[in-house]
N, C-alpha and C. Protein backbone atom coordinates (compact mmCIF):
# COMPACT_ATOMS: atom_id res chain seq x y z
N MET A 1 -14.57 -28.11 9.29
CA MET A 1 -14.97 -29.20 10.19
C MET A 1 -16.28 -28.83 10.88
N LEU A 2 -17.18 -29.79 10.92
CA LEU A 2 -18.48 -29.56 11.54
C LEU A 2 -18.37 -29.46 13.05
N ASN A 3 -19.22 -28.68 13.64
CA ASN A 3 -19.36 -28.66 15.09
C ASN A 3 -20.49 -29.63 15.42
N LEU A 4 -20.15 -30.80 15.93
CA LEU A 4 -21.15 -31.84 16.16
C LEU A 4 -21.87 -31.64 17.48
N SER A 5 -23.18 -31.67 17.42
CA SER A 5 -23.99 -31.59 18.64
C SER A 5 -24.05 -32.97 19.28
N ASN A 6 -24.55 -33.04 20.50
CA ASN A 6 -24.73 -34.33 21.15
C ASN A 6 -25.67 -35.23 20.34
N GLU A 7 -26.69 -34.64 19.73
CA GLU A 7 -27.60 -35.43 18.89
C GLU A 7 -26.88 -35.99 17.67
N ASP A 8 -25.98 -35.21 17.09
CA ASP A 8 -25.19 -35.70 15.96
C ASP A 8 -24.32 -36.89 16.38
N LYS A 9 -23.69 -36.77 17.52
CA LYS A 9 -22.82 -37.84 18.01
C LYS A 9 -23.63 -39.11 18.25
N LYS A 10 -24.79 -38.96 18.89
CA LYS A 10 -25.64 -40.13 19.13
C LYS A 10 -26.07 -40.76 17.81
N TYR A 11 -26.42 -39.93 16.84
CA TYR A 11 -26.85 -40.45 15.54
C TYR A 11 -25.73 -41.26 14.90
N LEU A 12 -24.50 -40.71 14.90
CA LEU A 12 -23.38 -41.39 14.26
C LEU A 12 -23.03 -42.69 14.99
N LEU A 13 -23.10 -42.70 16.30
CA LEU A 13 -22.83 -43.93 17.06
C LEU A 13 -23.88 -45.00 16.76
N ARG A 14 -25.15 -44.58 16.71
CA ARG A 14 -26.22 -45.54 16.37
C ARG A 14 -26.05 -46.07 14.96
N ALA A 15 -25.73 -45.17 14.02
CA ALA A 15 -25.54 -45.58 12.63
C ALA A 15 -24.39 -46.58 12.51
N ALA A 16 -23.30 -46.34 13.23
CA ALA A 16 -22.15 -47.24 13.20
C ALA A 16 -22.53 -48.63 13.71
N ARG A 17 -23.23 -48.67 14.85
CA ARG A 17 -23.64 -49.96 15.42
C ARG A 17 -24.62 -50.68 14.50
N GLN A 18 -25.58 -49.96 13.96
CA GLN A 18 -26.56 -50.59 13.07
C GLN A 18 -25.90 -51.09 11.79
N ALA A 19 -24.90 -50.35 11.28
CA ALA A 19 -24.19 -50.79 10.07
C ALA A 19 -23.47 -52.11 10.33
N ILE A 20 -22.81 -52.23 11.48
CA ILE A 20 -22.13 -53.48 11.81
C ILE A 20 -23.14 -54.61 11.94
N GLU A 21 -24.24 -54.33 12.63
CA GLU A 21 -25.27 -55.35 12.83
C GLU A 21 -25.84 -55.83 11.50
N LEU A 22 -26.15 -54.89 10.60
CA LEU A 22 -26.67 -55.28 9.28
C LEU A 22 -25.64 -56.06 8.49
N ALA A 23 -24.38 -55.66 8.56
CA ALA A 23 -23.33 -56.38 7.84
C ALA A 23 -23.18 -57.81 8.37
N LEU A 24 -23.27 -57.97 9.69
CA LEU A 24 -23.16 -59.31 10.29
C LEU A 24 -24.36 -60.18 9.94
N ASN A 25 -25.55 -59.59 9.93
CA ASN A 25 -26.77 -60.36 9.71
C ASN A 25 -27.11 -60.58 8.25
N HIS A 26 -26.75 -59.60 7.41
CA HIS A 26 -27.20 -59.67 6.01
C HIS A 26 -26.07 -59.51 4.99
N GLY A 27 -24.87 -59.23 5.47
CA GLY A 27 -23.75 -59.06 4.55
C GLY A 27 -23.80 -57.76 3.78
N ASP A 28 -24.70 -56.88 4.15
CA ASP A 28 -24.83 -55.60 3.47
C ASP A 28 -25.36 -54.59 4.49
N TYR A 29 -25.36 -53.34 4.11
CA TYR A 29 -25.87 -52.32 5.01
C TYR A 29 -26.40 -51.16 4.18
N HIS A 30 -27.24 -50.37 4.82
CA HIS A 30 -27.71 -49.14 4.19
C HIS A 30 -26.87 -48.02 4.76
N PRO A 31 -26.30 -47.15 3.92
CA PRO A 31 -25.37 -46.15 4.45
C PRO A 31 -26.00 -45.01 5.24
N PHE A 32 -27.30 -45.03 5.48
CA PHE A 32 -27.96 -44.07 6.35
C PHE A 32 -27.90 -42.63 5.83
N ILE A 33 -27.56 -42.45 4.57
CA ILE A 33 -27.42 -41.09 4.06
C ILE A 33 -28.78 -40.44 3.86
N ASP A 34 -29.74 -41.20 3.38
CA ASP A 34 -31.06 -40.63 3.09
C ASP A 34 -31.72 -40.06 4.34
N SER A 35 -31.53 -40.74 5.47
CA SER A 35 -32.20 -40.30 6.70
C SER A 35 -31.32 -39.41 7.58
N ALA A 36 -30.07 -39.21 7.19
CA ALA A 36 -29.15 -38.42 8.01
C ALA A 36 -29.45 -36.93 7.91
N PRO A 37 -29.23 -36.19 9.00
CA PRO A 37 -29.32 -34.74 8.89
C PRO A 37 -28.37 -34.26 7.78
N ALA A 38 -28.78 -33.24 7.06
CA ALA A 38 -28.04 -32.80 5.87
C ALA A 38 -26.57 -32.51 6.18
N HIS A 39 -26.28 -31.91 7.31
CA HIS A 39 -24.88 -31.55 7.59
C HIS A 39 -24.01 -32.78 7.82
N LEU A 40 -24.59 -33.92 8.22
CA LEU A 40 -23.80 -35.14 8.39
C LEU A 40 -23.53 -35.85 7.07
N ALA A 41 -24.16 -35.36 6.01
CA ALA A 41 -23.91 -35.90 4.67
C ALA A 41 -22.85 -35.08 3.92
N THR A 42 -22.23 -34.11 4.61
CA THR A 42 -21.12 -33.38 4.00
C THR A 42 -19.84 -34.21 4.21
N PRO A 43 -18.83 -34.02 3.36
CA PRO A 43 -17.63 -34.85 3.46
C PRO A 43 -16.93 -34.72 4.82
N GLY A 44 -16.48 -35.86 5.33
CA GLY A 44 -15.77 -35.90 6.60
C GLY A 44 -14.90 -37.14 6.69
N ALA A 45 -13.79 -37.03 7.40
CA ALA A 45 -12.87 -38.15 7.59
C ALA A 45 -13.01 -38.68 9.01
N SER A 46 -13.05 -40.00 9.15
CA SER A 46 -13.25 -40.59 10.47
C SER A 46 -12.43 -41.87 10.64
N PHE A 47 -12.20 -42.20 11.90
CA PHE A 47 -11.73 -43.52 12.31
C PHE A 47 -12.77 -44.08 13.26
N VAL A 48 -13.02 -45.37 13.16
CA VAL A 48 -13.91 -46.03 14.11
C VAL A 48 -13.09 -47.08 14.86
N THR A 49 -13.13 -46.98 16.19
CA THR A 49 -12.38 -47.88 17.06
C THR A 49 -13.36 -48.74 17.84
N LEU A 50 -13.12 -50.03 17.84
CA LEU A 50 -13.93 -50.98 18.61
C LEU A 50 -13.10 -51.52 19.76
N THR A 51 -13.66 -51.52 20.95
CA THR A 51 -12.99 -52.14 22.09
C THR A 51 -13.93 -53.15 22.73
N LYS A 52 -13.31 -54.13 23.37
CA LYS A 52 -14.06 -55.18 24.08
C LYS A 52 -13.39 -55.35 25.43
N SER A 53 -14.10 -55.12 26.49
CA SER A 53 -13.55 -55.17 27.86
C SER A 53 -12.31 -54.28 27.98
N GLY A 54 -12.34 -53.15 27.31
CA GLY A 54 -11.24 -52.20 27.38
C GLY A 54 -10.08 -52.49 26.45
N ASN A 55 -10.13 -53.59 25.72
CA ASN A 55 -9.05 -53.97 24.81
C ASN A 55 -9.44 -53.68 23.36
N LEU A 56 -8.46 -53.25 22.58
CA LEU A 56 -8.71 -52.97 21.17
C LEU A 56 -9.22 -54.21 20.46
N ARG A 57 -10.28 -54.03 19.66
CA ARG A 57 -10.86 -55.15 18.89
C ARG A 57 -10.89 -54.84 17.39
N GLY A 58 -10.58 -53.59 17.04
CA GLY A 58 -10.54 -53.20 15.63
C GLY A 58 -10.50 -51.69 15.51
N CYS A 59 -9.79 -51.20 14.52
CA CYS A 59 -9.73 -49.76 14.28
C CYS A 59 -9.38 -49.52 12.82
N ILE A 60 -10.28 -48.85 12.10
CA ILE A 60 -10.08 -48.55 10.68
C ILE A 60 -10.59 -47.15 10.42
N GLY A 61 -9.93 -46.45 9.51
CA GLY A 61 -10.40 -45.11 9.16
C GLY A 61 -9.65 -44.54 7.98
N THR A 62 -9.85 -43.27 7.77
CA THR A 62 -9.19 -42.57 6.68
C THR A 62 -8.71 -41.21 7.18
N LEU A 63 -7.71 -40.69 6.50
CA LEU A 63 -7.13 -39.41 6.89
C LEU A 63 -7.67 -38.25 6.07
N LYS A 64 -8.33 -38.56 4.98
CA LYS A 64 -8.84 -37.50 4.10
C LYS A 64 -10.34 -37.64 3.91
N ALA A 65 -11.04 -36.52 3.92
CA ALA A 65 -12.49 -36.52 3.70
C ALA A 65 -12.77 -36.68 2.22
N TYR A 66 -13.44 -37.76 1.84
CA TYR A 66 -13.74 -38.02 0.43
C TYR A 66 -15.18 -38.48 0.20
N GLN A 67 -15.94 -38.63 1.27
CA GLN A 67 -17.33 -39.06 1.14
C GLN A 67 -18.12 -38.51 2.32
N PRO A 68 -19.47 -38.58 2.26
CA PRO A 68 -20.28 -38.06 3.37
C PRO A 68 -19.85 -38.66 4.71
N LEU A 69 -19.79 -37.82 5.73
CA LEU A 69 -19.32 -38.26 7.05
C LEU A 69 -20.07 -39.48 7.55
N VAL A 70 -21.40 -39.48 7.44
CA VAL A 70 -22.17 -40.61 7.97
C VAL A 70 -21.82 -41.90 7.22
N GLN A 71 -21.60 -41.82 5.93
CA GLN A 71 -21.20 -43.00 5.16
C GLN A 71 -19.80 -43.44 5.55
N ASP A 72 -18.90 -42.48 5.75
CA ASP A 72 -17.53 -42.77 6.16
C ASP A 72 -17.53 -43.53 7.48
N VAL A 73 -18.33 -43.06 8.43
CA VAL A 73 -18.42 -43.71 9.73
C VAL A 73 -18.96 -45.13 9.59
N CYS A 74 -20.02 -45.31 8.84
CA CYS A 74 -20.62 -46.65 8.68
C CYS A 74 -19.65 -47.62 8.01
N GLU A 75 -18.99 -47.18 6.95
CA GLU A 75 -18.06 -48.06 6.24
C GLU A 75 -16.87 -48.44 7.12
N HIS A 76 -16.38 -47.49 7.90
CA HIS A 76 -15.23 -47.80 8.75
C HIS A 76 -15.63 -48.62 9.97
N ALA A 77 -16.86 -48.48 10.43
CA ALA A 77 -17.34 -49.33 11.51
C ALA A 77 -17.36 -50.79 11.06
N ILE A 78 -17.88 -51.02 9.86
CA ILE A 78 -17.93 -52.38 9.32
C ILE A 78 -16.51 -52.92 9.10
N ALA A 79 -15.65 -52.08 8.52
CA ALA A 79 -14.27 -52.51 8.27
C ALA A 79 -13.54 -52.83 9.57
N ALA A 80 -13.75 -52.01 10.61
CA ALA A 80 -13.11 -52.27 11.91
C ALA A 80 -13.58 -53.60 12.48
N ALA A 81 -14.85 -53.92 12.27
CA ALA A 81 -15.41 -55.16 12.80
C ALA A 81 -15.00 -56.39 12.00
N LEU A 82 -14.88 -56.24 10.69
CA LEU A 82 -14.72 -57.42 9.83
C LEU A 82 -13.41 -57.49 9.06
N GLU A 83 -12.68 -56.37 8.93
CA GLU A 83 -11.54 -56.37 8.00
C GLU A 83 -10.21 -55.94 8.61
N ASP A 84 -10.17 -55.65 9.91
CA ASP A 84 -8.89 -55.28 10.52
C ASP A 84 -8.02 -56.53 10.58
N TYR A 85 -6.90 -56.54 9.82
CA TYR A 85 -6.08 -57.74 9.67
C TYR A 85 -5.46 -58.21 10.99
N ARG A 86 -5.45 -57.35 12.00
CA ARG A 86 -4.85 -57.73 13.28
C ARG A 86 -5.75 -58.63 14.11
N PHE A 87 -7.02 -58.71 13.73
CA PHE A 87 -8.01 -59.44 14.54
C PHE A 87 -8.87 -60.34 13.67
N SER A 88 -9.42 -61.38 14.28
CA SER A 88 -10.43 -62.18 13.57
C SER A 88 -11.70 -61.33 13.47
N PRO A 89 -12.54 -61.60 12.47
CA PRO A 89 -13.77 -60.82 12.34
C PRO A 89 -14.66 -60.93 13.59
N VAL A 90 -15.31 -59.83 13.91
CA VAL A 90 -16.26 -59.81 15.03
C VAL A 90 -17.40 -60.77 14.72
N THR A 91 -17.86 -61.48 15.73
CA THR A 91 -19.00 -62.39 15.56
C THR A 91 -20.27 -61.71 16.07
N ARG A 92 -21.40 -62.22 15.64
CA ARG A 92 -22.68 -61.63 16.05
C ARG A 92 -22.84 -61.60 17.57
N PRO A 93 -22.52 -62.70 18.31
CA PRO A 93 -22.67 -62.65 19.76
C PRO A 93 -21.76 -61.60 20.43
N GLU A 94 -20.64 -61.29 19.79
CA GLU A 94 -19.72 -60.30 20.36
C GLU A 94 -20.24 -58.88 20.29
N LEU A 95 -21.12 -58.61 19.36
CA LEU A 95 -21.51 -57.24 19.07
C LEU A 95 -21.98 -56.49 20.32
N ASP A 96 -22.74 -57.15 21.17
CA ASP A 96 -23.25 -56.50 22.37
C ASP A 96 -22.14 -56.17 23.38
N GLU A 97 -20.99 -56.83 23.24
CA GLU A 97 -19.88 -56.60 24.16
C GLU A 97 -18.95 -55.47 23.69
N LEU A 98 -19.14 -55.01 22.47
CA LEU A 98 -18.26 -54.00 21.90
C LEU A 98 -18.68 -52.59 22.30
N GLU A 99 -17.68 -51.74 22.48
CA GLU A 99 -17.93 -50.30 22.63
C GLU A 99 -17.37 -49.62 21.39
N ILE A 100 -18.14 -48.72 20.83
CA ILE A 100 -17.74 -48.01 19.62
C ILE A 100 -17.28 -46.61 19.98
N GLU A 101 -16.15 -46.22 19.40
CA GLU A 101 -15.65 -44.85 19.53
C GLU A 101 -15.44 -44.30 18.12
N ILE A 102 -15.87 -43.09 17.90
CA ILE A 102 -15.69 -42.43 16.61
C ILE A 102 -14.74 -41.25 16.78
N SER A 103 -13.76 -41.16 15.90
CA SER A 103 -12.85 -40.02 15.86
C SER A 103 -13.10 -39.28 14.55
N TYR A 104 -13.46 -38.02 14.68
CA TYR A 104 -13.74 -37.16 13.53
C TYR A 104 -12.51 -36.26 13.35
N LEU A 105 -11.85 -36.35 12.20
CA LEU A 105 -10.54 -35.75 12.01
C LEU A 105 -10.59 -34.38 11.34
N THR A 106 -9.68 -33.52 11.79
CA THR A 106 -9.44 -32.27 11.07
C THR A 106 -8.55 -32.58 9.87
N GLU A 107 -8.40 -31.63 8.99
CA GLU A 107 -7.47 -31.80 7.87
C GLU A 107 -6.05 -31.77 8.40
N ALA A 108 -5.21 -32.66 7.88
CA ALA A 108 -3.82 -32.73 8.34
C ALA A 108 -3.01 -31.56 7.80
N SER A 109 -2.01 -31.14 8.59
CA SER A 109 -1.12 -30.07 8.15
C SER A 109 0.34 -30.53 8.28
N ARG A 110 1.16 -30.11 7.36
CA ARG A 110 2.56 -30.52 7.29
C ARG A 110 3.36 -29.86 8.41
N VAL A 111 4.27 -30.62 9.01
CA VAL A 111 5.17 -30.09 10.03
C VAL A 111 6.52 -29.84 9.38
N SER A 112 6.97 -28.60 9.45
CA SER A 112 8.26 -28.22 8.90
C SER A 112 9.30 -28.27 10.02
N TYR A 113 10.39 -29.02 9.80
CA TYR A 113 11.43 -29.12 10.81
C TYR A 113 12.75 -29.48 10.14
N ASN A 114 13.85 -29.23 10.84
CA ASN A 114 15.18 -29.55 10.32
C ASN A 114 15.84 -30.71 11.06
N GLN A 115 15.73 -30.73 12.38
CA GLN A 115 16.34 -31.79 13.17
C GLN A 115 15.28 -32.44 14.06
N HIS A 116 15.56 -33.66 14.49
CA HIS A 116 14.54 -34.38 15.25
C HIS A 116 14.19 -33.69 16.56
N GLY A 117 15.12 -32.95 17.15
CA GLY A 117 14.81 -32.20 18.37
C GLY A 117 13.76 -31.14 18.12
N GLU A 118 13.84 -30.52 16.97
CA GLU A 118 12.86 -29.50 16.59
C GLU A 118 11.49 -30.14 16.36
N LEU A 119 11.51 -31.35 15.78
CA LEU A 119 10.25 -32.07 15.54
C LEU A 119 9.52 -32.31 16.86
N LEU A 120 10.26 -32.69 17.90
CA LEU A 120 9.63 -32.97 19.20
C LEU A 120 8.92 -31.74 19.74
N GLN A 121 9.47 -30.57 19.48
CA GLN A 121 8.87 -29.33 19.98
C GLN A 121 7.60 -28.96 19.22
N LYS A 122 7.45 -29.48 18.00
CA LYS A 122 6.32 -29.08 17.16
C LYS A 122 5.13 -30.03 17.24
N ILE A 123 5.32 -31.16 17.89
CA ILE A 123 4.22 -32.12 18.06
C ILE A 123 3.68 -31.98 19.47
N ARG A 124 2.38 -31.73 19.58
CA ARG A 124 1.77 -31.51 20.89
C ARG A 124 1.29 -32.83 21.49
N ARG A 125 1.96 -33.21 22.57
CA ARG A 125 1.64 -34.47 23.24
C ARG A 125 0.20 -34.44 23.74
N GLY A 126 -0.54 -35.51 23.45
CA GLY A 126 -1.91 -35.62 23.92
C GLY A 126 -2.94 -34.92 23.04
N GLU A 127 -2.49 -34.08 22.12
CA GLU A 127 -3.41 -33.33 21.26
C GLU A 127 -3.33 -33.71 19.79
N ASP A 128 -2.10 -33.94 19.31
CA ASP A 128 -1.92 -34.18 17.88
C ASP A 128 -1.94 -35.66 17.53
N GLY A 129 -2.68 -35.99 16.48
CA GLY A 129 -2.49 -37.25 15.79
C GLY A 129 -1.33 -37.02 14.84
N VAL A 130 -0.54 -38.05 14.57
CA VAL A 130 0.67 -37.87 13.76
C VAL A 130 0.66 -38.87 12.60
N ILE A 131 1.01 -38.36 11.43
CA ILE A 131 1.20 -39.19 10.24
C ILE A 131 2.68 -39.13 9.89
N LEU A 132 3.32 -40.29 9.79
CA LEU A 132 4.70 -40.36 9.32
C LEU A 132 4.71 -40.97 7.92
N LYS A 133 5.53 -40.39 7.04
CA LYS A 133 5.67 -40.92 5.68
C LYS A 133 7.15 -41.05 5.37
N ASP A 134 7.51 -42.17 4.76
CA ASP A 134 8.89 -42.42 4.34
C ASP A 134 8.82 -43.16 3.01
N GLY A 135 8.93 -42.40 1.93
CA GLY A 135 8.75 -43.01 0.61
C GLY A 135 7.33 -43.49 0.44
N HIS A 136 7.17 -44.77 0.13
CA HIS A 136 5.83 -45.34 -0.07
C HIS A 136 5.20 -45.80 1.24
N ARG A 137 5.95 -45.78 2.32
CA ARG A 137 5.43 -46.24 3.62
C ARG A 137 4.77 -45.09 4.37
N GLN A 138 3.73 -45.42 5.10
CA GLN A 138 3.00 -44.41 5.85
C GLN A 138 2.29 -45.07 7.02
N ALA A 139 2.20 -44.35 8.14
CA ALA A 139 1.44 -44.85 9.29
C ALA A 139 0.97 -43.66 10.11
N THR A 140 -0.08 -43.89 10.88
CA THR A 140 -0.60 -42.84 11.76
C THR A 140 -0.99 -43.41 13.11
N PHE A 141 -0.94 -42.55 14.10
CA PHE A 141 -1.53 -42.82 15.41
C PHE A 141 -2.49 -41.68 15.71
N LEU A 142 -3.68 -42.04 16.17
CA LEU A 142 -4.64 -41.04 16.63
C LEU A 142 -4.12 -40.41 17.93
N PRO A 143 -4.59 -39.22 18.27
CA PRO A 143 -4.14 -38.59 19.51
C PRO A 143 -4.40 -39.44 20.76
N GLN A 144 -5.41 -40.29 20.73
CA GLN A 144 -5.72 -41.12 21.88
C GLN A 144 -4.58 -42.08 22.25
N VAL A 145 -3.70 -42.37 21.27
CA VAL A 145 -2.59 -43.31 21.51
C VAL A 145 -1.58 -42.75 22.51
N TRP A 146 -1.57 -41.42 22.67
CA TRP A 146 -0.68 -40.83 23.68
C TRP A 146 -0.96 -41.40 25.07
N GLU A 147 -2.19 -41.88 25.31
CA GLU A 147 -2.52 -42.45 26.62
C GLU A 147 -1.68 -43.70 26.91
N GLN A 148 -1.38 -44.48 25.86
CA GLN A 148 -0.56 -45.69 26.03
C GLN A 148 0.94 -45.40 25.83
N LEU A 149 1.24 -44.39 25.02
CA LEU A 149 2.64 -44.06 24.70
C LEU A 149 2.85 -42.57 25.03
N PRO A 150 3.02 -42.23 26.29
CA PRO A 150 2.94 -40.83 26.71
C PRO A 150 4.13 -39.94 26.38
N THR A 151 5.28 -40.52 25.99
CA THR A 151 6.42 -39.65 25.67
C THR A 151 6.56 -39.54 24.15
N HIS A 152 7.15 -38.44 23.71
CA HIS A 152 7.40 -38.26 22.28
C HIS A 152 8.23 -39.41 21.72
N GLU A 153 9.25 -39.81 22.47
CA GLU A 153 10.16 -40.87 22.02
C GLU A 153 9.40 -42.18 21.79
N GLU A 154 8.59 -42.58 22.77
CA GLU A 154 7.81 -43.82 22.63
C GLU A 154 6.83 -43.71 21.47
N PHE A 155 6.13 -42.60 21.42
CA PHE A 155 5.10 -42.40 20.41
C PHE A 155 5.68 -42.50 19.00
N LEU A 156 6.75 -41.75 18.75
CA LEU A 156 7.34 -41.73 17.40
C LEU A 156 8.04 -43.04 17.07
N SER A 157 8.68 -43.67 18.06
CA SER A 157 9.36 -44.94 17.81
C SER A 157 8.37 -46.04 17.44
N HIS A 158 7.26 -46.12 18.18
CA HIS A 158 6.24 -47.12 17.86
C HIS A 158 5.57 -46.82 16.52
N LEU A 159 5.42 -45.55 16.21
CA LEU A 159 4.82 -45.20 14.93
C LEU A 159 5.73 -45.57 13.77
N CYS A 160 7.04 -45.40 13.96
CA CYS A 160 7.99 -45.84 12.93
C CYS A 160 7.88 -47.35 12.71
N MET A 161 7.79 -48.11 13.80
CA MET A 161 7.67 -49.57 13.67
C MET A 161 6.35 -49.94 12.99
N LYS A 162 5.28 -49.23 13.30
CA LYS A 162 4.00 -49.48 12.64
C LYS A 162 4.13 -49.25 11.14
N MET A 163 4.95 -48.26 10.76
CA MET A 163 5.16 -47.93 9.35
C MET A 163 6.04 -48.98 8.66
N GLY A 164 6.70 -49.83 9.45
CA GLY A 164 7.58 -50.83 8.88
C GLY A 164 9.02 -50.37 8.79
N ALA A 165 9.36 -49.32 9.53
CA ALA A 165 10.72 -48.78 9.54
C ALA A 165 11.38 -49.10 10.88
N ARG A 166 12.68 -48.85 10.97
CA ARG A 166 13.38 -48.99 12.25
C ARG A 166 12.78 -48.01 13.25
N LYS A 167 12.79 -48.39 14.50
CA LYS A 167 12.13 -47.52 15.49
C LYS A 167 12.82 -46.18 15.66
N ASP A 168 14.09 -46.09 15.29
CA ASP A 168 14.79 -44.82 15.41
C ASP A 168 14.83 -44.03 14.10
N ALA A 169 14.01 -44.43 13.12
CA ALA A 169 14.03 -43.76 11.81
C ALA A 169 13.73 -42.27 11.93
N TRP A 170 12.91 -41.90 12.90
CA TRP A 170 12.57 -40.48 13.07
C TRP A 170 13.76 -39.67 13.55
N LYS A 171 14.79 -40.36 14.10
CA LYS A 171 16.00 -39.67 14.55
C LYS A 171 17.10 -39.69 13.48
N THR A 172 17.14 -40.77 12.70
CA THR A 172 18.28 -40.97 11.80
C THR A 172 18.13 -40.29 10.45
N HIS A 173 16.92 -40.06 10.00
CA HIS A 173 16.74 -39.30 8.76
C HIS A 173 15.41 -38.56 8.79
N LYS A 174 15.29 -37.61 7.91
CA LYS A 174 14.13 -36.74 7.92
C LYS A 174 12.94 -37.43 7.25
N LEU A 175 11.86 -37.51 7.98
CA LEU A 175 10.62 -38.09 7.48
C LEU A 175 9.65 -36.98 7.15
N GLU A 176 8.66 -37.30 6.32
CA GLU A 176 7.57 -36.35 6.10
C GLU A 176 6.59 -36.53 7.26
N VAL A 177 6.25 -35.45 7.93
CA VAL A 177 5.41 -35.51 9.13
C VAL A 177 4.23 -34.57 8.96
N GLU A 178 3.04 -35.08 9.29
CA GLU A 178 1.83 -34.27 9.31
C GLU A 178 1.13 -34.49 10.64
N VAL A 179 0.40 -33.48 11.09
CA VAL A 179 -0.38 -33.61 12.32
C VAL A 179 -1.83 -33.24 12.04
N TYR A 180 -2.70 -33.76 12.87
CA TYR A 180 -4.13 -33.45 12.79
C TYR A 180 -4.71 -33.59 14.19
N GLN A 181 -5.90 -33.11 14.38
CA GLN A 181 -6.59 -33.26 15.66
C GLN A 181 -7.88 -34.05 15.43
N VAL A 182 -8.43 -34.58 16.51
CA VAL A 182 -9.68 -35.32 16.38
C VAL A 182 -10.68 -34.83 17.42
N TYR A 183 -11.92 -35.01 17.05
CA TYR A 183 -13.05 -34.77 17.94
C TYR A 183 -13.60 -36.17 18.17
N HIS A 184 -13.36 -36.77 19.33
CA HIS A 184 -13.78 -38.17 19.50
C HIS A 184 -14.84 -38.30 20.59
N PHE A 185 -15.67 -39.30 20.40
CA PHE A 185 -16.77 -39.57 21.31
C PHE A 185 -17.12 -41.05 21.21
N SER A 186 -17.71 -41.58 22.29
CA SER A 186 -17.96 -43.02 22.31
C SER A 186 -19.27 -43.34 23.00
N GLU A 187 -19.62 -44.61 22.91
CA GLU A 187 -20.83 -45.09 23.58
C GLU A 187 -20.68 -45.05 25.10
N ASN A 188 -19.46 -44.90 25.57
CA ASN A 188 -19.25 -44.73 26.99
C ASN A 188 -19.86 -43.41 27.48
N GLU A 189 -19.82 -42.40 26.61
CA GLU A 189 -20.40 -41.08 26.94
C GLU A 189 -21.90 -41.02 26.65
N PHE A 190 -22.29 -41.73 25.60
CA PHE A 190 -23.69 -41.70 25.14
C PHE A 190 -24.20 -43.13 25.11
N PRO A 191 -24.87 -43.56 26.17
CA PRO A 191 -25.35 -44.95 26.23
C PRO A 191 -26.12 -45.34 24.98
N ARG A 192 -25.98 -46.60 24.63
CA ARG A 192 -26.61 -47.11 23.40
C ARG A 192 -28.10 -46.91 23.34
N TYR A 193 -28.54 -46.72 22.10
CA TYR A 193 -29.96 -46.65 21.77
C TYR A 193 -30.67 -45.49 22.45
N THR A 194 -29.91 -44.45 22.81
CA THR A 194 -30.56 -43.26 23.37
C THR A 194 -31.26 -42.53 22.24
N PRO A 195 -32.56 -42.27 22.34
CA PRO A 195 -33.25 -41.60 21.22
C PRO A 195 -32.82 -40.15 21.08
């Protein structure tokens, strides 16, 4: 995982905003790889979260690094703006009202446990993002979700429902569980268009 400098963070936030703007105005975007610092063109996994007046407006990402980080960020910024099925597509006038947050993910690691009580002890509240898998179903919450769902019980129950399972599925049978951490930053920390 890269150690991102403040300049790297500003670059990625600008690239994300410009990618959304180009997609809204022209239906296409340049992935910013040619002009990106070389280390930002190494593979990285990201989620991009859009908020408007503090409310979620879109969030899309990936759990595995499969393409250059800067391209990953740009593609997920556009997808969060235009393809998140929970929301109507962002409009051009809305763009100035959006705040962009980028979460840069570590590689996920499997959690080994026997009973649900043991699982609770192995997930770090406020630090771990969690992936639940049950057969073909899968869902994740970024670590930031602990702010809205601060207890293990709430967090895992809502994640089960997001996966399409009963909310107590994490208690009634053994699920495949992975955890990861994120390095997140937003335009709230780095005002827009800072050179």
